[in-house]
């Protein structure tokens, strides 16, 4: 019984993240129209794949870690912030 619940939980989070990505796309479109430009339309037809391109760019981008910093909190802090945001 735990397995179907966890799969449902994961599917809900994935759907929520995709919805947020497209909300961001709509927001960018409106801001583009407010500034008298077309908005994000570089990727695909009408910019629909733009949120996926942003996500790929985010995950592929090289991470720079300052040499004189404590490495574990530097990496764990954003992950912890995301987890706390998704929980609440």
PDB file of N, CA and C in Angstrom:
ATOM      1  N   UNK A   1       0.815  -1.209   0.000  1.00  0.00           N
ATOM      2  CA  UNK A   1       0.000   0.000   0.000  1.00  0.00           C
ATOM      3  C   UNK A   1       0.854   1.267   0.000  1.00  0.00           C
ATOM      4  N   UNK A   2       2.074   1.162   0.472  1.00  0.00           N
ATOM      5  CA  UNK A   2       2.927   2.349   0.518  1.00  0.00           C
ATOM      6  C   UNK A   2       3.404   2.714  -0.882  1.00  0.00           C
ATOM      7  N   UNK A   3       3.656   1.724  -1.728  1.00  0.00           N
ATOM      8  CA  UNK A   3       4.177   1.989  -3.059  1.00  0.00           C
ATOM      9  C   UNK A   3       3.236   2.838  -3.919  1.00  0.00           C
ATOM     10  N   UNK A   4       1.940   2.517  -4.020  1.00  0.00           N
ATOM     11  CA  UNK A   4       1.066   3.390  -4.826  1.00  0.00           C
ATOM     12  C   UNK A   4       0.976   4.817  -4.275  1.00  0.00           C
ATOM     13  N   UNK A   5       1.023   4.950  -2.939  1.00  0.00           N
ATOM     14  CA  UNK A   5       0.975   6.284  -2.353  1.00  0.00           C
ATOM     15  C   UNK A   5       2.213   7.087  -2.733  1.00  0.00           C
ATOM     16  N   UNK A   6       3.386   6.462  -2.688  1.00  0.00           N
ATOM     17  CA  UNK A   6       4.616   7.186  -3.012  1.00  0.00           C
ATOM     18  C   UNK A   6       4.670   7.543  -4.495  1.00  0.00           C
ATOM     19  N   UNK A   7       4.176   6.654  -5.365  1.00  0.00           N
ATOM     20  CA  UNK A   7       4.141   6.970  -6.784  1.00  0.00           C
ATOM     21  C   UNK A   7       3.186   8.134  -7.043  1.00  0.00           C
ATOM     22  N   UNK A   8       2.046   8.120  -6.393  1.00  0.00           N
ATOM     23  CA  UNK A   8       1.090   9.213  -6.525  1.00  0.00           C
ATOM     24  C   UNK A   8       1.701  10.529  -6.029  1.00  0.00           C
ATOM     25  N   UNK A   9       2.430  10.463  -4.944  1.00  0.00           N
ATOM     26  CA  UNK A   9       3.087  11.625  -4.363  1.00  0.00           C
ATOM     27  C   UNK A   9       4.108  12.205  -5.337  1.00  0.00           C
ATOM     28  N   UNK A  10       4.916  11.355  -5.942  1.00  0.00           N
ATOM     29  CA  UNK A  10       5.936  11.788  -6.890  1.00  0.00           C
ATOM     30  C   UNK A  10       5.279  12.380  -8.142  1.00  0.00           C
ATOM     31  N   UNK A  11       4.231  11.749  -8.630  1.00  0.00           N
ATOM     32  CA  UNK A  11       3.540  12.255  -9.814  1.00  0.00           C
ATOM     33  C   UNK A  11       2.943  13.630  -9.541  1.00  0.00           C
ATOM     34  N   UNK A  12       2.390  13.826  -8.340  1.00  0.00           N
ATOM     35  CA  UNK A  12       1.840  15.146  -8.002  1.00  0.00           C
ATOM     36  C   UNK A  12       2.912  16.221  -7.999  1.00  0.00           C
ATOM     37  N   UNK A  13       4.085  15.908  -7.461  1.00  0.00           N
ATOM     38  CA  UNK A  13       5.165  16.886  -7.444  1.00  0.00           C
ATOM     39  C   UNK A  13       5.658  17.202  -8.848  1.00  0.00           C
ATOM     40  N   UNK A  14       5.772  16.183  -9.695  1.00  0.00           N
ATOM     41  CA  UNK A  14       6.210  16.424 -11.064  1.00  0.00           C
ATOM     42  C   UNK A  14       5.196  17.304 -11.799  1.00  0.00           C
ATOM     43  N   UNK A  15       3.919  17.027 -11.628  1.00  0.00           N
ATOM     44  CA  UNK A  15       2.880  17.847 -12.267  1.00  0.00           C
ATOM     45  C   UNK A  15       2.930  19.277 -11.737  1.00  0.00           C
ATOM     46  N   UNK A  16       3.152  19.440 -10.441  1.00  0.00           N
ATOM     47  CA  UNK A  16       3.239  20.784  -9.860  1.00  0.00           C
ATOM     48  C   UNK A  16       4.447  21.536 -10.413  1.00  0.00           C
ATOM     49  N   UNK A  17       5.586  20.867 -10.554  1.00  0.00           N
ATOM     50  CA  UNK A  17       6.771  21.530 -11.081  1.00  0.00           C
ATOM     51  C   UNK A  17       6.580  21.934 -12.544  1.00  0.00           C
ATOM     52  N   UNK A  18       5.928  21.085 -13.334  1.00  0.00           N
ATOM     53  CA  UNK A  18       5.657  21.427 -14.726  1.00  0.00           C
ATOM     54  C   UNK A  18       4.681  22.601 -14.801  1.00  0.00           C
ATOM     55  N   UNK A  19       3.674  22.605 -13.922  1.00  0.00           N
ATOM     56  CA  UNK A  19       2.720  23.715 -13.910  1.00  0.00           C
ATOM     57  C   UNK A  19       3.415  25.028 -13.556  1.00  0.00           C
ATOM     58  N   UNK A  20       4.325  24.990 -12.611  1.00  0.00           N
ATOM     59  CA  UNK A  20       5.066  26.191 -12.233  1.00  0.00           C
ATOM     60  C   UNK A  20       5.943  26.659 -13.386  1.00  0.00           C
ATOM     61  N   UNK A  21       6.533  25.711 -14.106  1.00  0.00           N
ATOM     62  CA  UNK A  21       7.375  26.079 -15.252  1.00  0.00           C
ATOM     63  C   UNK A  21       6.551  26.806 -16.306  1.00  0.00           C
ATOM     64  N   UNK A  22       5.343  26.315 -16.592  1.00  0.00           N
ATOM     65  CA  UNK A  22       4.525  26.980 -17.602  1.00  0.00           C
ATOM     66  C   UNK A  22       3.912  28.273 -17.071  1.00  0.00           C
ATOM     67  N   UNK A  23       3.695  28.359 -15.776  1.00  0.00           N
ATOM     68  CA  UNK A  23       3.266  29.640 -15.192  1.00  0.00           C
ATOM     69  C   UNK A  23       4.354  30.692 -15.409  1.00  0.00           C
ATOM     70  N   UNK A  24       5.611  30.275 -15.249  1.00  0.00           N
ATOM     71  CA  UNK A  24       6.724  31.189 -15.491  1.00  0.00           C
ATOM     72  C   UNK A  24       6.762  31.620 -16.951  1.00  0.00           C
ATOM     73  N   UNK A  25       6.475  30.685 -17.866  1.00  0.00           N
ATOM     74  CA  UNK A  25       6.431  31.028 -19.287  1.00  0.00           C
ATOM     75  C   UNK A  25       5.344  32.067 -19.564  1.00  0.00           C
ATOM     76  N   UNK A  26       4.168  31.870 -18.993  1.00  0.00           N
ATOM     77  CA  UNK A  26       3.077  32.828 -19.185  1.00  0.00           C
ATOM     78  C   UNK A  26       3.452  34.188 -18.603  1.00  0.00           C
ATOM     79  N   UNK A  27       4.088  34.169 -17.439  1.00  0.00           N
ATOM     80  CA  UNK A  27       4.523  35.426 -16.827  1.00  0.00           C
ATOM     81  C   UNK A  27       5.505  36.151 -17.733  1.00  0.00           C
ATOM     82  N   UNK A  28       6.448  35.408 -18.314  1.00  0.00           N
ATOM     83  CA  UNK A  28       7.411  36.030 -19.223  1.00  0.00           C
ATOM     84  C   UNK A  28       6.725  36.593 -20.459  1.00  0.00           C
ATOM     85  N   UNK A  29       5.729  35.873 -20.967  1.00  0.00           N
ATOM     86  CA  UNK A  29       4.990  36.370 -22.131  1.00  0.00           C
ATOM     87  C   UNK A  29       4.303  37.697 -21.815  1.00  0.00           C
ATOM     88  N   UNK A  30       3.619  37.756 -20.664  1.00  0.00           N
ATOM     89  CA  UNK A  30       2.943  39.000 -20.291  1.00  0.00           C
ATOM     90  C   UNK A  30       3.940  40.138 -20.082  1.00  0.00           C
ATOM     91  N   UNK A  31       5.057  39.851 -19.418  1.00  0.00           N
ATOM     92  CA  UNK A  31       6.053  40.904 -19.223  1.00  0.00           C
ATOM     93  C   UNK A  31       6.623  41.372 -20.549  1.00  0.00           C
ATOM     94  N   UNK A  32       6.768  40.442 -21.501  1.00  0.00           N
ATOM     95  CA  UNK A  32       7.233  40.828 -22.833  1.00  0.00           C
ATOM     96  C   UNK A  32       6.244  41.741 -23.526  1.00  0.00           C
ATOM     97  N   UNK A  33       4.951  41.422 -23.425  1.00  0.00           N
ATOM     98  CA  UNK A  33       3.945  42.276 -24.049  1.00  0.00           C
ATOM     99  C   UNK A  33       3.867  43.639 -23.362  1.00  0.00           C
ATOM    100  N   UNK A  34       4.061  43.669 -22.045  1.00  0.00           N
ATOM    101  CA  UNK A  34       4.055  44.948 -21.341  1.00  0.00           C
ATOM    102  C   UNK A  34       5.200  45.841 -21.815  1.00  0.00           C
ATOM    103  N   UNK A  35       6.329  45.217 -22.180  1.00  0.00           N
ATOM    104  CA  UNK A  35       7.500  45.972 -22.624  1.00  0.00           C
ATOM    105  C   UNK A  35       7.547  46.107 -24.142  1.00  0.00           C
ATOM    106  N   UNK A  36       6.431  45.779 -24.813  1.00  0.00           N
ATOM    107  CA  UNK A  36       6.298  45.893 -26.264  1.00  0.00           C
ATOM    108  C   UNK A  36       7.324  45.038 -27.014  1.00  0.00           C
ATOM    109  N   UNK A  37       7.510  43.811 -26.557  1.00  0.00           N
ATOM    110  CA  UNK A  37       8.318  42.834 -27.273  1.00  0.00           C
ATOM    111  C   UNK A  37       7.596  41.492 -27.206  1.00  0.00           C
ATOM    112  N   UNK A  38       8.047  40.517 -27.932  1.00  0.00           N
ATOM    113  CA  UNK A  38       7.295  39.270 -28.041  1.00  0.00           C
ATOM    114  C   UNK A  38       7.436  38.345 -26.843  1.00  0.00           C
ATOM    115  N   UNK A  39       8.475  38.462 -26.074  1.00  0.00           N
ATOM    116  CA  UNK A  39       8.679  37.560 -24.948  1.00  0.00           C
ATOM    117  C   UNK A  39       9.508  36.357 -25.363  1.00  0.00           C
ATOM    118  N   UNK A  40       9.534  35.309 -24.557  1.00  0.00           N
ATOM    119  CA  UNK A  40      10.387  34.162 -24.876  1.00  0.00           C
ATOM    120  C   UNK A  40       9.826  33.363 -26.048  1.00  0.00           C
ATOM    121  N   UNK A  41      10.501  33.433 -27.176  1.00  0.00           N
ATOM    122  CA  UNK A  41      10.082  32.644 -28.331  1.00  0.00           C
ATOM    123  C   UNK A  41      11.292  32.089 -29.071  1.00  0.00           C
ATOM    124  N   UNK A  42      12.416  31.957 -28.408  1.00  0.00           N
ATOM    125  CA  UNK A  42      13.638  31.481 -29.044  1.00  0.00           C
ATOM    126  C   UNK A  42      13.609  29.968 -29.250  1.00  0.00           C
ATOM    127  N   UNK A  43      12.956  29.233 -28.368  1.00  0.00           N
ATOM    128  CA  UNK A  43      12.957  27.777 -28.411  1.00  0.00           C
ATOM    129  C   UNK A  43      11.606  27.288 -28.916  1.00  0.00           C
ATOM    130  N   UNK A  44      11.590  26.657 -30.060  1.00  0.00           N
ATOM    131  CA  UNK A  44      10.372  26.037 -30.563  1.00  0.00           C
ATOM    132  C   UNK A  44       9.288  27.016 -30.975  1.00  0.00           C
ATOM    133  N   UNK A  45       8.098  26.475 -31.148  1.00  0.00           N
ATOM    134  CA  UNK A  45       6.954  27.257 -31.585  1.00  0.00           C
ATOM    135  C   UNK A  45       6.370  28.001 -30.388  1.00  0.00           C
ATOM    136  N   UNK A  46       6.318  29.303 -30.468  1.00  0.00           N
ATOM    137  CA  UNK A  46       5.728  30.185 -29.450  1.00  0.00           C
ATOM    138  C   UNK A  46       6.393  30.051 -28.085  1.00  0.00           C
ATOM    139  N   UNK A  47       7.601  29.489 -28.047  1.00  0.00           N
ATOM    140  CA  UNK A  47       8.324  29.397 -26.782  1.00  0.00           C
ATOM    141  C   UNK A  47       7.817  28.334 -25.832  1.00  0.00           C
ATOM    142  N   UNK A  48       6.999  27.399 -26.314  1.00  0.00           N
ATOM    143  CA  UNK A  48       6.426  26.376 -25.428  1.00  0.00           C
ATOM    144  C   UNK A  48       7.513  25.513 -24.769  1.00  0.00           C
ATOM    145  N   UNK A  49       8.575  25.090 -25.476  1.00  0.00           N
ATOM    146  CA  UNK A  49       9.613  24.281 -24.806  1.00  0.00           C
ATOM    147  C   UNK A  49      10.579  25.099 -23.947  1.00  0.00           C
ATOM    148  N   UNK A  50      10.375  26.404 -23.833  1.00  0.00           N
ATOM    149  CA  UNK A  50      11.287  27.256 -23.080  1.00  0.00           C
ATOM    150  C   UNK A  50      11.470  26.813 -21.627  1.00  0.00           C
ATOM    151  N   UNK A  51      10.416  26.434 -20.874  1.00  0.00           N
ATOM    152  CA  UNK A  51      10.640  25.989 -19.501  1.00  0.00           C
ATOM    153  C   UNK A  51      11.533  24.751 -19.416  1.00  0.00           C
ATOM    154  N   UNK A  52      11.400  23.847 -20.391  1.00  0.00           N
ATOM    155  CA  UNK A  52      12.249  22.656 -20.384  1.00  0.00           C
ATOM    156  C   UNK A  52      13.695  23.018 -20.724  1.00  0.00           C
ATOM    157  N   UNK A  53      13.878  23.969 -21.634  1.00  0.00           N
ATOM    158  CA  UNK A  53      15.227  24.436 -21.958  1.00  0.00           C
ATOM    159  C   UNK A  53      15.860  25.122 -20.747  1.00  0.00           C
ATOM    160  N   UNK A  54      15.066  25.882 -19.999  1.00  0.00           N
ATOM    161  CA  UNK A  54      15.575  26.515 -18.775  1.00  0.00           C
ATOM    162  C   UNK A  54      15.986  25.470 -17.746  1.00  0.00           C
ATOM    163  N   UNK A  55      15.192  24.408 -17.608  1.00  0.00           N
ATOM    164  CA  UNK A  55      15.515  23.349 -16.641  1.00  0.00           C
ATOM    165  C   UNK A  55      16.788  22.616 -17.049  1.00  0.00           C
ATOM    166  N   UNK A  56      16.932  22.313 -18.332  1.00  0.00           N
ATOM    167  CA  UNK A  56      18.145  21.642 -18.803  1.00  0.00           C
ATOM    168  C   UNK A  56      19.363  22.534 -18.575  1.00  0.00           C
ATOM    169  N   UNK A  57      19.227  23.817 -18.866  1.00  0.00           N
ATOM    170  CA  UNK A  57      20.317  24.754 -18.650  1.00  0.00           C
ATOM    171  C   UNK A  57      20.691  24.816 -17.172  1.00  0.00           C
ATOM    172  N   UNK A  58      19.694  24.789 -16.305  1.00  0.00           N
ATOM    173  CA  UNK A  58      19.947  24.848 -14.870  1.00  0.00           C
ATOM    174  C   UNK A  58      20.734  23.635 -14.391  1.00  0.00           C
ATOM    175  N   UNK A  59      20.378  22.439 -14.879  1.00  0.00           N
ATOM    176  CA  UNK A  59      21.036  21.226 -14.410  1.00  0.00           C
ATOM    177  C   UNK A  59      22.383  20.971 -15.081  1.00  0.00           C
ATOM    178  N   UNK A  60      22.595  21.518 -16.282  1.00  0.00           N
ATOM    179  CA  UNK A  60      23.841  21.289 -17.000  1.00  0.00           C
ATOM    180  C   UNK A  60      24.905  22.334 -16.626  1.00  0.00           C
ATOM    181  N   UNK A  61      24.455  23.468 -16.150  1.00  0.00           N
ATOM    182  CA  UNK A  61      25.361  24.573 -15.843  1.00  0.00           C
ATOM    183  C   UNK A  61      26.405  24.150 -14.810  1.00  0.00           C
ATOM    184  N   UNK A  62      27.625  24.551 -15.037  1.00  0.00           N
ATOM    185  CA  UNK A  62      28.716  24.197 -14.136  1.00  0.00           C
ATOM    186  C   UNK A  62      28.563  24.936 -12.808  1.00  0.00           C
ATOM    187  N   UNK A  63      28.725  24.203 -11.736  1.00  0.00           N
ATOM    188  CA  UNK A  63      28.643  24.802 -10.411  1.00  0.00           C
ATOM    189  C   UNK A  63      30.026  25.274  -9.977  1.00  0.00           C
ATOM    190  N   UNK A  64      30.108  26.488  -9.503  1.00  0.00           N
ATOM    191  CA  UNK A  64      31.377  26.987  -8.976  1.00  0.00           C
ATOM    192  C   UNK A  64      31.277  27.046  -7.462  1.00  0.00           C
ATOM    193  N   UNK A  65      32.256  26.455  -6.808  1.00  0.00           N
ATOM    194  CA  UNK A  65      32.289  26.418  -5.348  1.00  0.00           C
ATOM    195  C   UNK A  65      33.517  27.206  -4.896  1.00  0.00           C
ATOM    196  N   UNK A  66      33.328  28.217  -4.064  1.00  0.00           N
ATOM    197  CA  UNK A  66      34.475  28.988  -3.578  1.00  0.00           C
ATOM    198  C   UNK A  66      35.479  28.081  -2.851  1.00  0.00           C
ATOM    199  N   UNK A  67      36.752  28.336  -3.083  1.00  0.00           N
ATOM    200  CA  UNK A  67      37.792  27.474  -2.514  1.00  0.00           C
ATOM    201  C   UNK A  67      37.888  27.588  -0.999  1.00  0.00           C
ATOM    202  N   UNK A  68      37.612  28.749  -0.450  1.00  0.00           N
ATOM    203  CA  UNK A  68      37.770  28.939   0.987  1.00  0.00           C
ATOM    204  C   UNK A  68      36.470  28.742   1.764  1.00  0.00           C
ATOM    205  N   UNK A  69      35.498  28.060   1.167  1.00  0.00           N
ATOM    206  CA  UNK A  69      34.220  27.858   1.851  1.00  0.00           C
ATOM    207  C   UNK A  69      34.095  26.420   2.339  1.00  0.00           C
ATOM    208  N   UNK A  70      33.143  26.227   3.247  1.00  0.00           N
ATOM    209  CA  UNK A  70      32.827  24.888   3.707  1.00  0.00           C
ATOM    210  C   UNK A  70      31.915  24.262   2.657  1.00  0.00           C
ATOM    211  N   UNK A  71      32.350  23.186   2.032  1.00  0.00           N
ATOM    212  CA  UNK A  71      31.693  22.648   0.854  1.00  0.00           C
ATOM    213  C   UNK A  71      30.314  22.057   1.135  1.00  0.00           C
ATOM    214  N   UNK A  72      30.143  21.311   2.207  1.00  0.00           N
ATOM    215  CA  UNK A  72      28.870  20.624   2.439  1.00  0.00           C
ATOM    216  C   UNK A  72      27.697  21.588   2.674  1.00  0.00           C
ATOM    217  N   UNK A  73      27.805  22.622   3.512  1.00  0.00           N
ATOM    218  CA  UNK A  73      26.672  23.545   3.628  1.00  0.00           C
ATOM    219  C   UNK A  73      26.402  24.310   2.328  1.00  0.00           C
ATOM    220  N   UNK A  74      27.447  24.556   1.556  1.00  0.00           N
ATOM    221  CA  UNK A  74      27.300  25.272   0.289  1.00  0.00           C
ATOM    222  C   UNK A  74      26.443  24.469  -0.688  1.00  0.00           C
ATOM    223  N   UNK A  75      26.557  23.143  -0.632  1.00  0.00           N
ATOM    224  CA  UNK A  75      25.782  22.283  -1.521  1.00  0.00           C
ATOM    225  C   UNK A  75      24.419  21.942  -0.916  1.00  0.00           C
ATOM    226  N   UNK A  76      24.366  21.709   0.385  1.00  0.00           N
ATOM    227  CA  UNK A  76      23.135  21.250   1.031  1.00  0.00           C
ATOM    228  C   UNK A  76      22.104  22.375   1.190  1.00  0.00           C
ATOM    229  N   UNK A  77      22.515  23.614   1.336  1.00  0.00           N
ATOM    230  CA  UNK A  77      21.586  24.716   1.597  1.00  0.00           C
ATOM    231  C   UNK A  77      20.528  24.887   0.496  1.00  0.00           C
ATOM    232  N   UNK A  78      20.870  24.907  -0.787  1.00  0.00           N
ATOM    233  CA  UNK A  78      19.814  25.040  -1.797  1.00  0.00           C
ATOM    234  C   UNK A  78      18.886  23.829  -1.844  1.00  0.00           C
ATOM    235  N   UNK A  79      19.436  22.647  -1.638  1.00  0.00           N
ATOM    236  CA  UNK A  79      18.615  21.430  -1.635  1.00  0.00           C
ATOM    237  C   UNK A  79      17.637  21.471  -0.470  1.00  0.00           C
ATOM    238  N   UNK A  80      18.113  21.887   0.678  1.00  0.00           N
ATOM    239  CA  UNK A  80      17.258  21.990   1.861  1.00  0.00           C
ATOM    240  C   UNK A  80      16.173  23.053   1.642  1.00  0.00           C
ATOM    241  N   UNK A  81      16.529  24.161   1.012  1.00  0.00           N
ATOM    242  CA  UNK A  81      15.536  25.190   0.709  1.00  0.00           C
ATOM    243  C   UNK A  81      14.458  24.683  -0.227  1.00  0.00           C
ATOM    244  N   UNK A  82      14.834  23.900  -1.243  1.00  0.00           N
ATOM    245  CA  UNK A  82      13.853  23.329  -2.157  1.00  0.00           C
ATOM    246  C   UNK A  82      12.947  22.347  -1.444  1.00  0.00           C
ATOM    247  N   UNK A  83      13.532  21.502  -0.604  1.00  0.00           N
ATOM    248  CA  UNK A  83      12.726  20.525   0.131  1.00  0.00           C
ATOM    249  C   UNK A  83      11.740  21.229   1.057  1.00  0.00           C
ATOM    250  N   UNK A  84      12.184  22.239   1.764  1.00  0.00           N
ATOM    251  CA  UNK A  84      11.295  22.965   2.654  1.00  0.00           C
ATOM    252  C   UNK A  84      10.189  23.678   1.886  1.00  0.00           C
ATOM    253  N   UNK A  85      10.511  24.194   0.718  1.00  0.00           N
ATOM    254  CA  UNK A  85       9.494  24.859  -0.093  1.00  0.00           C
ATOM    255  C   UNK A  85       8.439  23.864  -0.574  1.00  0.00           C
ATOM    256  N   UNK A  86       8.873  22.684  -0.991  1.00  0.00           N
ATOM    257  CA  UNK A  86       7.946  21.687  -1.485  1.00  0.00           C
ATOM    258  C   UNK A  86       7.089  21.087  -0.365  1.00  0.00           C
ATOM    259  N   UNK A  87       7.630  21.016   0.836  1.00  0.00           N
ATOM    260  CA  UNK A  87       6.870  20.472   1.966  1.00  0.00           C
ATOM    261  C   UNK A  87       5.757  21.425   2.390  1.00  0.00           C
ATOM    262  N   UNK A  88       6.079  22.705   2.456  1.00  0.00           N
ATOM    263  CA  UNK A  88       5.096  23.684   2.923  1.00  0.00           C
ATOM    264  C   UNK A  88       4.210  24.029   1.787  1.00  0.00           C
TER     265      UNK A  88
END
